[in-house]
Protein backbone atom coordinates (compact mmCIF):
# COMPACT_ATOMS: atom_id res chain seq x y z
CA UNK A 1 83.98 -21.00 58.56
CA UNK A 2 86.95 -19.88 60.42
CA UNK A 3 90.45 -21.71 61.09
CA UNK A 4 89.86 -21.14 64.85
CA UNK A 5 86.56 -22.25 64.95
CA UNK A 6 87.27 -25.34 62.03
CA UNK A 7 86.41 -28.68 63.88
CA UNK A 8 87.50 -32.35 62.99
CA UNK A 9 85.16 -32.57 59.56
CA UNK A 10 83.71 -36.42 60.37
CA UNK A 11 80.92 -38.46 58.47
CA UNK A 12 78.67 -36.89 61.19
CA UNK A 13 79.43 -33.38 60.73
CA UNK A 14 79.77 -33.38 57.23
CA UNK A 15 76.09 -34.80 56.96
CA UNK A 16 75.31 -32.96 59.79
CA UNK A 17 76.16 -29.84 57.38
CA UNK A 18 74.64 -31.12 54.20
CA UNK A 19 71.06 -32.31 55.97
CA UNK A 20 68.65 -29.90 54.59
CA UNK A 21 70.22 -29.52 51.27
CA UNK A 22 69.77 -33.93 51.73
CA UNK A 23 66.54 -33.41 52.51
CA UNK A 24 65.82 -30.83 50.07
CA UNK A 25 66.87 -33.59 47.12
CA UNK A 26 64.45 -35.81 48.93
CA UNK A 27 61.11 -34.36 48.82
CA UNK A 28 61.66 -32.60 45.37
CA UNK A 29 62.66 -36.64 44.20
CA UNK A 30 58.64 -36.86 46.17
CA UNK A 31 56.50 -34.08 44.77
CA UNK A 32 58.86 -34.80 41.52
CA UNK A 33 57.77 -38.61 41.51
CA UNK A 34 53.75 -37.33 41.39
CA UNK A 35 53.41 -35.78 38.15
CA UNK A 36 55.62 -39.66 36.95
CA UNK A 37 58.16 -41.49 38.66
CA UNK A 38 60.76 -41.94 35.69
CA UNK A 39 60.95 -38.44 36.48
CA UNK A 40 61.80 -39.01 40.55
CA UNK A 41 65.38 -40.88 39.63
CA UNK A 42 66.21 -38.07 36.79
CA UNK A 43 65.86 -35.28 39.45
CA UNK A 44 68.14 -37.26 41.43
CA UNK A 45 70.70 -36.94 38.99
CA UNK A 46 70.46 -33.02 38.58
CA UNK A 47 70.63 -32.94 41.68
CA UNK A 48 74.15 -34.65 41.31
CA UNK A 49 75.25 -33.48 39.06
CA UNK A 50 74.81 -29.60 40.09
CA UNK A 51 76.68 -30.53 42.97
CA UNK A 52 79.91 -31.75 41.35
CA UNK A 53 79.55 -28.69 38.52
CA UNK A 54 79.46 -26.78 41.54
CA UNK A 55 82.16 -28.05 43.69
CA UNK A 56 83.81 -28.10 39.58
CA UNK A 57 82.99 -23.73 38.59
CA UNK A 58 82.17 -21.51 41.87
CA UNK A 59 84.07 -23.90 45.02
CA UNK A 60 87.43 -23.74 43.61
CA UNK A 61 87.41 -19.40 43.66
CA UNK A 62 86.23 -20.07 47.77
CA UNK A 63 89.11 -19.60 49.89
CA UNK A 64 87.77 -22.03 52.04
CA UNK A 65 87.85 -25.28 49.26
CA UNK A 66 91.36 -24.74 48.95
CA UNK A 67 92.17 -24.28 52.74
CA UNK A 68 90.64 -26.80 53.42
CA UNK A 69 87.50 -25.04 56.20
CA UNK A 70 84.39 -26.29 53.27
CA UNK A 71 82.25 -26.34 55.79
CA UNK A 72 79.96 -28.56 53.38
CA UNK A 73 82.95 -30.97 52.73
CA UNK A 74 82.98 -29.86 48.99
CA UNK A 75 86.88 -30.10 49.18
CA UNK A 76 86.88 -33.47 50.65
CA UNK A 77 83.73 -34.73 48.81
CA UNK A 78 86.21 -33.56 45.20
CA UNK A 79 88.87 -34.39 46.25
CA UNK A 80 90.38 -31.39 45.60
CA UNK A 81 90.66 -32.28 41.79
CA UNK A 82 89.13 -29.06 40.61
CA UNK A 83 91.67 -25.68 39.96
CA UNK A 84 90.90 -22.29 39.79
CA UNK A 85 91.89 -19.93 37.01
CA UNK A 86 94.14 -17.12 37.41
CA UNK A 87 92.00 -14.13 36.64
CA UNK A 88 88.27 -15.45 38.12
CA UNK A 89 87.46 -14.45 41.38
CA UNK A 90 85.00 -16.49 43.12
CA UNK A 91 82.29 -13.56 43.04
CA UNK A 92 82.45 -14.06 38.84
CA UNK A 93 82.52 -17.21 38.99
CA UNK A 94 79.52 -17.72 41.51
CA UNK A 95 76.86 -15.25 39.33
CA UNK A 96 78.35 -16.92 36.81
CA UNK A 97 77.41 -20.76 37.77
CA UNK A 98 74.82 -20.67 40.55
CA UNK A 99 72.92 -21.19 37.20
CA UNK A 100 73.28 -24.95 37.36
CA UNK A 101 72.23 -25.32 40.86
CA UNK A 102 68.60 -23.52 39.96
CA UNK A 103 66.21 -26.29 38.99
CA UNK A 104 66.83 -29.07 41.87
CA UNK A 105 66.07 -25.85 43.66
CA UNK A 106 62.77 -24.72 41.79
CA UNK A 107 61.08 -27.76 39.34
CA UNK A 108 59.86 -29.31 42.25
CA UNK A 109 57.55 -26.24 43.78
CA UNK A 110 55.95 -25.70 40.31
CA UNK A 111 55.72 -29.51 39.58
CA UNK A 112 53.13 -28.94 43.44
CA UNK A 113 51.55 -26.87 41.84
CA UNK A 114 50.32 -28.16 38.40
CA UNK A 115 49.74 -31.13 40.43
CA UNK A 116 47.55 -29.07 42.94
CA UNK A 117 45.59 -27.32 40.14
CA UNK A 118 45.39 -30.04 37.74
CA UNK A 119 43.98 -32.16 41.58
CA UNK A 120 44.35 -30.52 44.86
CA UNK A 121 45.20 -32.49 48.11
CA UNK A 122 46.32 -31.48 51.21
CA UNK A 123 48.99 -34.26 51.83
CA UNK A 124 50.18 -32.94 47.81
CA UNK A 125 50.29 -29.78 49.59
CA UNK A 126 51.88 -30.19 52.54
CA UNK A 127 54.76 -31.56 50.66
CA UNK A 128 54.93 -28.40 48.15
CA UNK A 129 55.17 -26.22 51.62
CA UNK A 130 57.56 -28.84 53.29
CA UNK A 131 60.26 -28.15 49.97
CA UNK A 132 59.36 -24.63 50.57
CA UNK A 133 60.24 -24.15 53.82
CA UNK A 134 62.98 -26.09 53.60
CA UNK A 135 64.88 -25.06 50.56
CA UNK A 136 63.90 -21.69 50.45
CA UNK A 137 63.90 -20.49 54.54
CA UNK A 138 65.69 -23.14 56.78
CA UNK A 139 68.27 -23.57 54.77
CA UNK A 140 69.63 -20.55 53.19
CA UNK A 141 69.24 -19.56 57.25
CA UNK A 142 71.67 -21.93 58.22
CA UNK A 143 74.06 -21.24 55.88
CA UNK A 144 74.34 -17.60 57.41
CA UNK A 145 75.80 -18.76 60.57
CA UNK A 146 79.06 -19.99 58.37
CA UNK A 147 78.74 -15.91 56.63
CA UNK A 148 79.20 -14.15 59.97
CA UNK A 149 83.33 -15.08 60.40
CA UNK A 150 83.71 -15.88 57.02
CA UNK A 151 86.77 -14.34 55.21
CA UNK A 152 85.99 -14.56 51.83
CA UNK A 153 85.42 -11.00 51.16
CA UNK A 154 84.66 -11.08 47.44
CA UNK A 155 81.88 -13.45 48.71
CA UNK A 156 78.27 -12.38 47.30
CA UNK A 157 76.39 -13.46 50.76
CA UNK A 158 79.41 -10.92 52.49
CA UNK A 159 77.13 -7.73 54.21
CA UNK A 160 78.04 -4.70 52.28
CA UNK A 161 79.01 -2.00 54.58
């Protein structure tokens, strides 16, 4: 997102920007709850915690965070409480800390696969496919539209020339 394309970030705009991730987390919560219902609040709690840790460990190194142009509004949600350490780059921090997000993306389909092997059902298969579609295709594809005009030079997602 560039300064020229910065829209007023209303609550509706931020909901739209984070909607696919929220949908993925909701589908994941349903999936993990199929294994054992107490896993649902634990999974959702981990999703919240992982996003807070991502904001603390990665976001301060992105130029959009301090410029107030973060499309996801992480600068707003965190109140810009997190500060970057000198000598660290966005690319380095992203590569070192993105792992904090992995369980929220990987556990639901693994649990779904286990449950499908244990006791196959079409509705469960549909839920696993929906999670994978949203989390591994739709969400990344939707995020690419922000990469087109991004000035963050050391972003790992930036196309190499």
